[in-house]
Amino acid sequence: MKRTALLHLLVTVAGLAAALLPPSARAAVGDLYETDFSSDTVFKFTPDGTASTYAAGLNGPYGLAFDSSGNLFEADYNSGTIFKFAPDGTQSTFASGLNGPIGVAFDSSGNLFVADQFSNTIFKFTPAGAKSTFASGLNGPAGLAFDSSGNLFEADYNSGTIFKFTSAGTKSTFASGLSGPVGLAFDSSGNLFEADYNSGAVFKFTPDGTKSTFASGLSNPAGLAFDSSGNLFEADQGSGTIFTFTPAGTKNPFASGLSGPSGLAFMTSTVRLSNISTRLLVQTGNNVLIGGFIISGTGPKTLVVRALGPTLSSFGVPGALQNPTLGLYNAAGTLIAFNDNWGDSPNKQQIIDAHLAPPNTAESAILATLDPGNYTAIVRGANNTTGVAVVEAYDIDAGTSSKLENISTRGFVQTGTKVMIAGAIVGGSGSQKVIVRALGPTLSNFGVANALADPTLELRDINGNLIQSNDNWRSTQQAEIIATGLQPSYDAESAIVATLAPSNYTMIVRGVNNTTGVALVEVYRLN
């Protein structure tokens, strides 16, 4: 196939997905963010200590926390506001009307918890901003931190106590007799570190509550945060310094000359598979376009699934399916939702708000909140019409603990412009390790007729450049593929293991020597 034709095909999947989602510059993993209370500024520090101003003109900035999409939330103490900063730095108001917000923390479901000091309350905000009271009757709540089991720990400044709350809100005393507890942070072993503001110390508590002094001789320690190497960073408010402590307790200055350093937060990896899309010729009977995905985790996840046809014509794709329909099925094969013409969807406005409304009224979309499990999306032509279509699934609920674990598409692979073209978007920050598979002979074991006997697989970047290719999975990366436990059943099938940075990618499945047949392309998240 000519290079120009290939690029034309790639635009349809990865390029189309990119065009429909506005890009944003991501903050770098490992950057440290610090609220400078007296200068009303948030500073950003690279790992080597280079400082820059991230946000200014605030009013008593204190607590900081990142959500799983890389948005930074800041508790503006004097204005009673929670500000949200998108990864590109765009500022918006997430919540207002609070009374001294100081500590902020996210649970695994993406809910934001706020310690409101003067109302003696911990408030809970859903990702959509709905507010409720989680705990009240406290005495100067300050720092917040979640342990790995989902329990919330609260530094109660005026009572000198650390309280522990279960996810259901049941309260117990974890530690008492402290002198102005403010900052809290857990290390990777589950030990809790507490910045004791008035005593100038950082105390360490084992999971069973055993207390020891980790550092002393500080000047009003406030915020605490751990980097990925287990080093503790401490905002020393009285000295205007950020100190680092190795796991063994060795102390070094990281930044000085600050004006009331208070809150600290590291930008960590938030990588995820945020979109999968596959383009194929939709026929009738068993040769329709079938997309599948697996949701892992413990909580529900909200997705938008779309079937596009007429839109492809604007990208120069011939023979586009003029009126695609879309059915969503659970693991038992039960129809959950069906749509023909997305404007008729009962949650039309939510699809619009997610910026995922199909460009053409004849195209289909379903927004659904789904429990962990296996799901299938089937694209057909209305009245058994045929043509080229795209099936897509978008993760619009990045703040939850559940993830898109596996995404796959089955269809009839032909030649020329009618091969199977899948696209995936890796969202967030950091890198995502995946295995991509192209299966053919395996499908015969499940009663699928006309399986593609010898599929080949290509992985290409957003510009159409070849990253890796494979024909017969044992020929390259055999040991690495076996190590995943996801090696294909037949030697003639193809697989690629790759570590992908956040971007758009395309996978192309063809038959060797222009053979045709039914094939399955899959992407599995490995980390």
Protein backbone atom coordinates (compact mmCIF):
# COMPACT_ATOMS: atom_id res chain seq x y z
CA MET A 1 0.00 0.00 0.00
CA LYS A 2 1.30 3.46 -0.85
CA ARG A 3 2.43 5.74 1.98
CA THR A 4 -0.14 8.43 1.09
CA ALA A 5 -2.97 5.90 1.19
CA LEU A 6 -1.83 4.61 4.55
CA LEU A 7 -1.79 8.09 6.07
CA HIS A 8 -5.26 8.64 4.65
CA LEU A 9 -6.45 5.55 6.54
CA LEU A 10 -4.78 6.56 9.79
CA VAL A 11 -6.53 9.93 9.85
CA THR A 12 -9.82 8.08 9.96
CA VAL A 13 -9.17 6.44 13.32
CA ALA A 14 -6.47 8.02 15.47
CA GLY A 15 -6.70 11.35 13.66
CA LEU A 16 -10.47 11.45 13.87
CA ALA A 17 -10.39 10.69 17.58
CA ALA A 18 -7.82 13.45 18.12
CA ALA A 19 -9.89 15.94 16.17
CA LEU A 20 -12.93 15.27 18.35
CA LEU A 21 -11.07 15.65 21.65
CA PRO A 22 -9.32 18.97 22.39
CA PRO A 23 -5.62 18.44 23.24
CA SER A 24 -4.07 19.78 26.44
CA ALA A 25 -0.53 20.06 27.65
CA ARG A 26 0.09 17.65 30.47
CA ALA A 27 2.08 18.47 33.59
CA ALA A 28 5.17 16.34 33.95
CA VAL A 29 5.22 13.35 36.26
CA GLY A 30 7.47 14.02 39.27
CA ASP A 31 6.90 17.78 39.44
CA LEU A 32 6.28 19.13 42.96
CA TYR A 33 3.60 21.77 43.54
CA GLU A 34 3.72 24.05 46.60
CA THR A 35 1.23 26.55 48.00
CA ASP A 36 2.99 29.68 49.19
CA PHE A 37 0.47 31.01 51.71
CA SER A 38 1.84 34.52 52.28
CA SER A 39 2.59 35.28 48.62
CA ASP A 40 -0.77 33.87 47.38
CA THR A 41 1.08 31.74 44.84
CA VAL A 42 1.39 28.13 43.76
CA PHE A 43 4.92 27.27 42.71
CA LYS A 44 5.97 24.33 40.57
CA PHE A 45 9.34 22.60 41.06
CA THR A 46 10.90 20.16 38.63
CA PRO A 47 12.74 17.18 40.20
CA ASP A 48 16.04 19.09 39.97
CA GLY A 49 14.56 22.00 41.99
CA THR A 50 13.91 24.47 39.16
CA ALA A 51 11.07 26.73 40.30
CA SER A 52 8.39 28.48 38.27
CA THR A 53 5.11 30.22 39.09
CA TYR A 54 2.15 27.97 38.34
CA ALA A 55 -0.66 30.20 39.66
CA ALA A 56 -0.74 33.65 41.27
CA GLY A 57 -3.29 36.07 42.68
CA LEU A 58 -4.82 33.53 45.04
CA ASN A 59 -6.01 34.29 48.58
CA GLY A 60 -4.32 32.14 51.17
CA PRO A 61 -3.60 28.96 49.19
CA TYR A 62 -3.10 25.92 51.41
CA GLY A 63 -4.03 22.32 50.60
CA LEU A 64 -3.29 20.66 47.24
CA ALA A 65 -4.38 17.39 45.64
CA PHE A 66 -4.31 15.90 42.14
CA ASP A 67 -7.19 13.89 40.73
CA SER A 68 -6.58 10.87 38.50
CA SER A 69 -6.82 12.99 35.33
CA GLY A 70 -3.99 15.29 36.36
CA ASN A 71 -6.18 18.21 37.46
CA LEU A 72 -4.80 20.09 40.47
CA PHE A 73 -7.24 21.17 43.20
CA GLU A 74 -6.28 23.99 45.60
CA ALA A 75 -7.92 24.95 48.90
CA ASP A 76 -8.00 28.75 49.00
CA TYR A 77 -8.20 29.34 52.73
CA ASN A 78 -9.12 33.03 52.92
CA SER A 79 -11.58 33.11 50.02
CA GLY A 80 -13.36 29.89 51.05
CA THR A 81 -12.93 28.46 47.54
CA ILE A 82 -11.65 25.30 45.92
CA PHE A 83 -9.98 26.12 42.62
CA LYS A 84 -9.38 23.54 39.92
CA PHE A 85 -6.41 23.81 37.54
CA ALA A 86 -6.49 21.74 34.37
CA PRO A 87 -3.18 20.12 33.28
CA ASP A 88 -2.56 23.09 30.98
CA GLY A 89 -3.01 25.50 33.93
CA THR A 90 -6.53 26.72 33.09
CA GLN A 91 -8.17 27.83 36.34
CA SER A 92 -11.82 27.38 37.28
CA THR A 93 -13.88 27.43 40.46
CA PHE A 94 -14.85 23.97 41.66
CA ALA A 95 -16.56 24.96 44.95
CA SER A 96 -17.15 28.17 46.89
CA GLY A 97 -18.82 29.41 50.08
CA LEU A 98 -16.58 27.38 52.39
CA ASN A 99 -15.21 28.61 55.71
CA GLY A 100 -11.47 28.13 55.86
CA PRO A 101 -10.80 25.13 53.59
CA ILE A 102 -7.34 23.81 54.36
CA GLY A 103 -6.83 20.08 53.70
CA VAL A 104 -7.93 18.26 50.51
CA ALA A 105 -7.71 14.62 49.46
CA PHE A 106 -9.24 12.32 46.82
CA ASP A 107 -10.64 8.87 47.45
CA SER A 108 -10.25 6.05 44.91
CA SER A 109 -13.62 6.88 43.33
CA GLY A 110 -12.61 10.46 42.51
CA ASN A 111 -14.56 12.17 45.29
CA LEU A 112 -12.85 15.21 46.82
CA PHE A 113 -12.81 15.57 50.62
CA VAL A 114 -12.23 19.02 52.13
CA ALA A 115 -11.31 19.86 55.73
CA ASP A 116 -13.21 23.09 56.44
CA GLN A 117 -11.45 24.48 59.48
CA PHE A 118 -13.86 27.10 60.82
CA SER A 119 -17.04 25.10 60.28
CA ASN A 120 -15.33 22.09 61.94
CA THR A 121 -16.57 19.93 59.08
CA ILE A 122 -15.26 17.58 56.42
CA PHE A 123 -17.19 18.02 53.19
CA LYS A 124 -17.36 15.52 50.34
CA PHE A 125 -17.69 16.58 46.70
CA THR A 126 -18.47 14.17 43.88
CA PRO A 127 -16.51 14.58 40.61
CA ALA A 128 -19.51 16.56 39.32
CA GLY A 129 -19.30 18.94 42.31
CA ALA A 130 -22.28 17.72 44.38
CA LYS A 131 -21.57 18.59 48.04
CA SER A 132 -22.45 16.63 51.17
CA THR A 133 -21.29 16.58 54.80
CA PHE A 134 -19.01 13.64 55.58
CA ALA A 135 -18.16 14.50 59.20
CA SER A 136 -19.00 17.37 61.57
CA GLY A 137 -18.35 18.41 65.17
CA LEU A 138 -14.57 18.40 64.73
CA ASN A 139 -12.14 20.91 66.28
CA GLY A 140 -10.10 22.67 63.62
CA PRO A 141 -9.75 19.99 60.94
CA ALA A 142 -6.59 20.48 58.89
CA GLY A 143 -4.75 17.76 56.98
CA LEU A 144 -6.42 14.81 55.25
CA ALA A 145 -5.00 11.57 53.85
CA PHE A 146 -6.41 8.24 52.66
CA ASP A 147 -4.76 4.92 53.43
CA SER A 148 -4.66 2.07 50.90
CA SER A 149 -7.86 0.58 52.37
CA GLY A 150 -9.91 3.71 51.76
CA ASN A 151 -9.94 4.97 55.36
CA LEU A 152 -9.71 8.74 55.76
CA PHE A 153 -7.34 10.18 58.38
CA GLU A 154 -7.89 13.73 59.66
CA ALA A 155 -5.47 15.96 61.58
CA ASP A 156 -7.62 17.75 64.16
CA TYR A 157 -5.48 20.79 64.93
CA ASN A 158 -7.14 22.24 68.04
CA SER A 159 -7.71 18.92 69.80
CA GLY A 160 -4.25 17.54 69.01
CA THR A 161 -5.80 14.37 67.62
CA ILE A 162 -5.69 12.27 64.47
CA PHE A 163 -9.10 10.76 63.74
CA LYS A 164 -9.73 7.82 61.45
CA PHE A 165 -12.94 7.49 59.40
CA THR A 166 -14.03 4.39 57.54
CA SER A 167 -15.51 4.85 54.06
CA ALA A 168 -18.94 4.70 55.71
CA GLY A 169 -17.99 7.58 58.04
CA THR A 170 -17.44 5.63 61.28
CA LYS A 171 -15.04 7.66 63.44
CA SER A 172 -12.31 6.47 65.81
CA THR A 173 -9.25 8.00 67.47
CA PHE A 174 -5.98 6.93 65.86
CA ALA A 175 -3.58 9.15 67.88
CA SER A 176 -3.90 11.87 70.52
CA GLY A 177 -1.76 14.21 72.64
CA LEU A 178 -0.23 15.97 69.63
CA SER A 179 0.62 19.68 69.38
CA GLY A 180 -1.11 21.17 66.37
CA PRO A 181 -1.26 18.33 63.82
CA VAL A 182 -1.51 19.72 60.28
CA GLY A 183 -0.01 17.75 57.40
CA LEU A 184 -0.56 14.03 56.86
CA ALA A 185 0.98 11.64 54.32
CA PHE A 186 1.27 7.86 53.95
CA ASP A 187 4.40 6.13 52.70
CA SER A 188 4.26 3.05 50.46
CA SER A 189 4.42 0.73 53.50
CA GLY A 190 1.31 2.21 55.09
CA ASN A 191 3.07 4.27 57.75
CA LEU A 192 1.42 7.62 58.50
CA PHE A 193 3.60 10.73 58.82
CA GLU A 194 2.26 13.80 60.66
CA ALA A 195 3.57 17.37 60.63
CA ASP A 196 3.23 18.63 64.20
CA TYR A 197 3.07 22.38 63.69
CA ASN A 198 3.67 23.65 67.24
CA SER A 199 6.29 21.12 68.36
CA GLY A 200 8.39 21.47 65.20
CA ALA A 201 8.45 17.73 64.63
CA VAL A 202 7.36 15.12 62.12
CA PHE A 203 6.02 11.98 63.79
CA LYS A 204 5.76 8.55 62.22
CA PHE A 205 2.94 6.12 63.05
CA THR A 206 3.00 2.48 62.03
CA PRO A 207 -0.30 0.99 60.80
CA ASP A 208 -1.03 -0.23 64.35
CA GLY A 209 -0.52 3.30 65.75
CA THR A 210 2.97 2.97 67.22
CA LYS A 211 4.51 6.45 67.34
CA SER A 212 8.12 7.56 66.83
CA THR A 213 9.88 10.83 66.05
CA PHE A 214 11.02 10.95 62.43
CA ALA A 215 12.38 14.55 62.43
CA SER A 216 12.65 17.37 64.97
CA GLY A 217 13.99 20.93 65.21
CA LEU A 218 11.77 22.17 62.40
CA SER A 219 9.95 25.51 62.25
CA ASN A 220 6.19 25.09 61.96
CA PRO A 221 6.07 22.06 59.65
CA ALA A 222 2.89 22.11 57.57
CA GLY A 223 2.54 20.14 54.33
CA LEU A 224 3.98 16.69 53.66
CA ALA A 225 4.31 14.66 50.46
CA PHE A 226 6.24 11.58 49.31
CA ASP A 227 7.94 11.32 45.92
CA SER A 228 8.05 8.08 43.93
CA SER A 229 11.40 7.12 45.52
CA GLY A 230 10.03 7.29 49.06
CA ASN A 231 11.64 10.61 50.00
CA LEU A 232 9.54 12.81 52.28
CA PHE A 233 9.15 16.49 51.36
CA GLU A 234 8.21 18.88 54.18
CA ALA A 235 6.92 22.47 53.86
CA ASP A 236 8.63 24.29 56.72
CA GLN A 237 6.38 27.27 57.06
CA GLY A 238 8.36 29.20 59.68
CA SER A 239 11.71 29.03 57.84
CA GLY A 240 10.29 29.44 54.32
CA THR A 241 11.96 26.20 53.22
CA ILE A 242 11.06 22.87 51.68
CA PHE A 243 13.17 20.10 53.20
CA THR A 244 13.62 16.58 51.90
CA PHE A 245 14.18 13.51 54.07
CA THR A 246 15.44 10.21 52.75
CA PRO A 247 13.65 7.07 54.00
CA ALA A 248 16.46 6.79 56.56
CA GLY A 249 15.78 10.34 57.78
CA THR A 250 18.68 12.26 56.23
CA LYS A 251 17.63 15.90 55.84
CA ASN A 252 18.49 18.28 52.97
CA PRO A 253 17.07 21.63 51.80
CA PHE A 254 15.20 21.40 48.48
CA ALA A 255 14.02 25.03 48.11
CA SER A 256 14.38 28.15 50.27
CA GLY A 257 13.35 31.81 50.31
CA LEU A 258 9.67 30.94 50.17
CA SER A 259 6.89 32.87 51.88
CA GLY A 260 4.87 30.57 54.06
CA PRO A 261 5.11 27.17 52.30
CA SER A 262 2.04 25.18 53.31
CA GLY A 263 0.69 22.46 51.02
CA LEU A 264 2.65 20.04 48.84
CA ALA A 265 1.56 17.65 46.10
CA PHE A 266 3.41 15.60 43.51
CA MET A 267 2.19 15.09 39.98
CA THR A 268 2.05 11.30 39.67
CA SER A 269 1.32 8.99 36.78
CA THR A 270 -2.38 8.91 35.85
CA VAL A 271 -2.10 6.88 32.69
CA ARG A 272 -5.11 5.02 31.32
CA LEU A 273 -6.67 3.73 28.13
CA SER A 274 -9.21 6.47 27.48
CA ASN A 275 -10.50 5.52 24.01
CA ILE A 276 -10.65 2.64 21.56
CA SER A 277 -12.02 2.87 18.05
CA THR A 278 -12.07 0.47 15.10
CA ARG A 279 -12.97 1.08 11.46
CA LEU A 280 -14.23 -1.71 9.24
CA LEU A 281 -16.66 -2.57 6.46
CA VAL A 282 -19.98 -3.39 8.14
CA GLN A 283 -21.81 -6.14 6.31
CA THR A 284 -24.79 -8.22 7.45
CA GLY A 285 -25.33 -11.38 9.48
CA ASN A 286 -22.17 -12.41 11.34
CA ASN A 287 -20.02 -9.88 9.49
CA VAL A 288 -21.22 -6.81 11.33
CA LEU A 289 -18.81 -4.71 13.44
CA ILE A 290 -18.48 -6.08 16.99
CA GLY A 291 -16.58 -4.18 19.69
CA GLY A 292 -15.89 -5.58 23.15
CA PHE A 293 -14.41 -4.18 26.34
CA ILE A 294 -13.70 -5.25 29.91
CA ILE A 295 -14.11 -2.97 32.93
CA SER A 296 -12.01 -3.99 35.94
CA GLY A 297 -12.14 -2.70 39.51
CA THR A 298 -14.80 -2.43 42.19
CA GLY A 299 -16.94 0.51 41.17
CA PRO A 300 -18.99 1.62 38.16
CA LYS A 301 -17.50 3.46 35.18
CA THR A 302 -19.22 5.84 32.77
CA LEU A 303 -18.51 5.40 29.06
CA VAL A 304 -19.73 6.85 25.80
CA VAL A 305 -19.96 4.31 22.96
CA ARG A 306 -20.46 5.65 19.43
CA ALA A 307 -21.08 4.34 15.92
CA LEU A 308 -19.96 6.73 13.16
CA GLY A 309 -20.63 6.40 9.44
CA PRO A 310 -21.48 9.59 7.50
CA THR A 311 -18.68 11.48 9.29
CA LEU A 312 -16.12 9.27 7.55
CA SER A 313 -17.10 10.73 4.18
CA SER A 314 -15.68 14.10 5.26
CA PHE A 315 -12.33 12.34 5.73
CA GLY A 316 -12.44 10.95 2.20
CA VAL A 317 -13.43 7.40 3.15
CA PRO A 318 -15.46 5.81 0.31
CA GLY A 319 -18.56 3.73 0.96
CA ALA A 320 -19.36 5.06 4.43
CA LEU A 321 -22.30 3.45 6.24
CA GLN A 322 -25.05 6.07 6.02
CA ASN A 323 -27.19 5.04 8.98
CA PRO A 324 -25.39 2.98 11.65
CA THR A 325 -27.24 1.53 14.63
CA LEU A 326 -25.64 0.61 17.93
CA GLY A 327 -26.50 -2.07 20.50
CA LEU A 328 -24.79 -2.49 23.88
CA TYR A 329 -24.88 -5.96 25.49
CA ASN A 330 -23.70 -7.37 28.81
CA ALA A 331 -21.72 -10.60 29.33
CA ALA A 332 -24.91 -12.68 29.24
CA GLY A 333 -25.81 -11.29 25.81
CA THR A 334 -28.67 -9.20 27.15
CA LEU A 335 -29.31 -5.92 25.36
CA ILE A 336 -28.64 -3.04 27.80
CA ALA A 337 -29.17 -0.11 25.47
CA PHE A 338 -29.87 0.55 21.80
CA ASN A 339 -29.60 3.70 19.73
CA ASP A 340 -30.32 4.74 16.17
CA ASN A 341 -29.73 8.51 15.72
CA TRP A 342 -27.96 9.90 18.77
CA GLY A 343 -30.28 12.90 19.11
CA ASP A 344 -33.00 10.51 20.27
CA SER A 345 -30.89 9.32 23.21
CA PRO A 346 -32.46 9.97 26.64
CA ASN A 347 -29.12 11.37 27.86
CA LYS A 348 -28.45 13.46 24.78
CA GLN A 349 -27.35 16.48 26.82
CA GLN A 350 -24.80 14.46 28.79
CA ILE A 351 -23.27 13.27 25.52
CA ILE A 352 -23.06 16.88 24.35
CA ASP A 353 -21.54 17.97 27.67
CA ALA A 354 -18.88 15.27 27.29
CA HIS A 355 -17.94 16.82 23.89
CA LEU A 356 -18.73 13.49 22.21
CA ALA A 357 -21.86 14.28 20.21
CA PRO A 358 -21.49 12.61 16.79
CA PRO A 359 -21.20 15.15 13.96
CA ASN A 360 -24.06 13.63 11.98
CA THR A 361 -27.62 13.16 13.25
CA ALA A 362 -27.86 9.69 11.65
CA GLU A 363 -24.99 8.42 13.79
CA SER A 364 -25.47 6.63 17.11
CA ALA A 365 -24.24 7.10 20.67
CA ILE A 366 -24.92 5.54 24.07
CA LEU A 367 -23.83 6.97 27.42
CA ALA A 368 -23.92 4.30 30.12
CA THR A 369 -22.64 3.79 33.66
CA LEU A 370 -21.51 0.18 33.85
CA ASP A 371 -20.41 -2.14 36.66
CA PRO A 372 -17.15 -4.09 36.25
CA GLY A 373 -17.58 -6.87 33.71
CA ASN A 374 -17.53 -7.75 30.00
CA TYR A 375 -19.54 -5.79 27.44
CA THR A 376 -20.13 -5.91 23.68
CA ALA A 377 -21.12 -3.14 21.26
CA ILE A 378 -22.53 -4.19 17.87
CA VAL A 379 -22.78 -1.85 14.88
CA ARG A 380 -25.20 -2.68 12.06
CA GLY A 381 -26.64 -0.76 9.18
CA ALA A 382 -30.30 0.26 9.50
CA ASN A 383 -32.46 -1.99 7.30
CA ASN A 384 -29.44 -4.26 6.64
CA THR A 385 -27.52 -1.58 4.73
CA THR A 386 -23.76 -1.97 4.47
CA GLY A 387 -20.76 0.34 4.47
CA VAL A 388 -17.66 1.44 6.36
CA ALA A 389 -18.19 2.49 10.00
CA VAL A 390 -16.27 3.21 13.20
CA VAL A 391 -17.18 1.88 16.64
CA GLU A 392 -15.71 3.79 19.59
CA ALA A 393 -15.71 3.62 23.39
CA TYR A 394 -14.60 6.63 25.45
CA ASP A 395 -13.78 6.55 29.15
CA ILE A 396 -15.26 9.83 30.48
CA ASP A 397 -15.02 8.82 34.14
CA ALA A 398 -11.28 8.93 34.78
CA GLY A 399 -11.70 9.75 38.47
CA THR A 400 -12.92 6.28 39.43
CA SER A 401 -10.90 3.29 40.59
CA SER A 402 -12.29 1.10 37.80
CA LYS A 403 -10.43 0.94 34.50
CA LEU A 404 -10.81 -0.09 30.89
CA GLU A 405 -8.75 -3.27 31.14
CA ASN A 406 -9.19 -4.73 27.65
CA ILE A 407 -10.70 -3.50 24.41
CA SER A 408 -11.27 -5.56 21.26
CA THR A 409 -13.07 -5.52 17.92
CA ARG A 410 -14.15 -8.34 15.61
CA GLY A 411 -15.03 -8.04 11.96
CA PHE A 412 -14.41 -9.18 8.41
CA VAL A 413 -10.96 -8.11 7.16
CA GLN A 414 -10.76 -7.45 3.43
CA THR A 415 -8.03 -5.76 1.37
CA GLY A 416 -7.02 -2.27 0.29
CA THR A 417 -8.95 0.35 2.24
CA LYS A 418 -11.14 -2.31 3.84
CA VAL A 419 -8.61 -3.84 6.19
CA MET A 420 -9.21 -3.59 9.96
CA ILE A 421 -7.97 -0.31 11.44
CA ALA A 422 -8.11 0.16 15.20
CA GLY A 423 -7.19 3.28 17.13
CA ALA A 424 -6.42 3.79 20.82
CA ILE A 425 -5.79 6.88 22.92
CA VAL A 426 -3.52 6.61 25.94
CA GLY A 427 -4.62 9.39 28.29
CA GLY A 428 -3.18 10.91 31.45
CA SER A 429 0.52 11.11 32.19
CA GLY A 430 3.34 8.60 32.37
CA SER A 431 3.50 5.51 30.16
CA GLN A 432 1.09 2.63 29.53
CA LYS A 433 2.40 -0.85 28.79
CA VAL A 434 0.10 -2.82 26.50
CA ILE A 435 -0.09 -6.00 24.50
CA VAL A 436 -1.85 -5.78 21.13
CA ARG A 437 -3.06 -9.01 19.51
CA ALA A 438 -4.48 -9.94 16.11
CA LEU A 439 -6.33 -13.26 16.26
CA GLY A 440 -7.79 -15.33 13.44
CA PRO A 441 -7.55 -19.11 13.79
CA THR A 442 -8.61 -18.90 17.46
CA LEU A 443 -12.04 -17.65 16.35
CA SER A 444 -12.73 -20.97 14.62
CA ASN A 445 -12.70 -22.61 18.06
CA PHE A 446 -15.71 -20.47 18.96
CA GLY A 447 -17.70 -21.39 15.88
CA VAL A 448 -16.86 -18.27 13.85
CA ALA A 449 -16.92 -19.05 10.15
CA ASN A 450 -14.32 -17.76 7.65
CA ALA A 451 -11.69 -16.88 10.26
CA LEU A 452 -8.62 -15.08 8.90
CA ALA A 453 -5.98 -17.82 8.72
CA ASP A 454 -2.84 -15.69 9.01
CA PRO A 455 -3.31 -12.13 10.34
CA THR A 456 -0.51 -9.56 10.42
CA LEU A 457 -0.34 -6.61 12.82
CA GLU A 458 1.13 -3.11 12.65
CA LEU A 459 1.37 -0.52 15.45
CA ARG A 460 1.71 3.07 14.25
CA ASP A 461 1.97 6.47 15.95
CA ILE A 462 -0.28 9.51 15.44
CA ASN A 463 1.70 10.53 12.34
CA GLY A 464 1.46 7.10 10.71
CA ASN A 465 5.04 6.11 11.49
CA LEU A 466 5.54 2.38 12.07
CA ILE A 467 6.47 1.60 15.69
CA GLN A 468 6.41 -2.20 15.48
CA SER A 469 5.01 -4.95 13.24
CA ASN A 470 4.52 -8.67 13.64
CA ASP A 471 3.53 -11.71 11.61
CA ASN A 472 3.52 -14.89 13.71
CA TRP A 473 3.95 -13.90 17.35
CA ARG A 474 6.83 -16.25 18.13
CA SER A 475 9.03 -14.52 15.54
CA THR A 476 9.61 -11.44 17.73
CA GLN A 477 9.30 -10.74 21.47
CA GLN A 478 8.38 -14.36 22.21
CA ALA A 479 9.63 -14.36 25.82
CA GLU A 480 8.11 -10.97 26.59
CA ILE A 481 4.74 -11.99 25.13
CA ILE A 482 4.70 -15.27 27.08
CA ALA A 483 5.51 -13.36 30.27
CA THR A 484 2.20 -11.48 29.95
CA GLY A 485 0.23 -14.74 29.96
CA LEU A 486 -1.64 -13.47 26.89
CA GLN A 487 0.23 -15.27 24.11
CA PRO A 488 -2.03 -16.21 21.16
CA SER A 489 -3.11 -19.85 20.84
CA TYR A 490 -1.84 -20.22 17.27
CA ASP A 491 1.64 -19.43 15.97
CA ALA A 492 0.14 -17.78 12.86
CA GLU A 493 -1.50 -15.10 15.02
CA SER A 494 0.24 -11.83 15.84
CA ALA A 495 1.12 -9.91 19.00
CA ILE A 496 3.13 -6.84 20.02
CA VAL A 497 4.17 -5.68 23.51
CA ALA A 498 4.87 -1.95 23.71
CA THR A 499 5.15 0.84 26.26
CA LEU A 500 3.21 3.85 24.99
CA ALA A 501 3.39 7.49 26.05
CA PRO A 502 0.13 9.49 26.18
CA SER A 503 -0.91 9.98 22.54
CA ASN A 504 -3.01 8.43 19.76
CA TYR A 505 -2.08 5.11 18.18
CA THR A 506 -3.31 2.99 15.29
CA MET A 507 -3.25 -0.79 14.85
CA ILE A 508 -3.75 -2.28 11.36
CA VAL A 509 -4.73 -5.91 10.78
CA ARG A 510 -4.30 -7.47 7.33
CA GLY A 511 -4.24 -10.97 5.94
CA VAL A 512 -0.93 -12.35 4.64
CA ASN A 513 -0.82 -12.21 0.82
CA ASN A 514 -4.11 -10.24 0.75
CA THR A 515 -6.13 -13.08 2.25
CA THR A 516 -9.45 -12.18 3.85
CA GLY A 517 -11.52 -13.39 6.76
CA VAL A 518 -12.87 -12.61 10.19
CA ALA A 519 -10.28 -11.36 12.72
CA LEU A 520 -10.14 -9.93 16.21
CA VAL A 521 -7.87 -7.05 17.28
CA GLU A 522 -7.30 -6.55 21.02
CA VAL A 523 -5.48 -4.16 23.34
CA TYR A 524 -4.77 -5.21 26.95
CA ARG A 525 -3.54 -2.80 29.63
CA LEU A 526 -0.56 -4.39 31.40
CA ASN A 527 0.34 -1.83 34.11
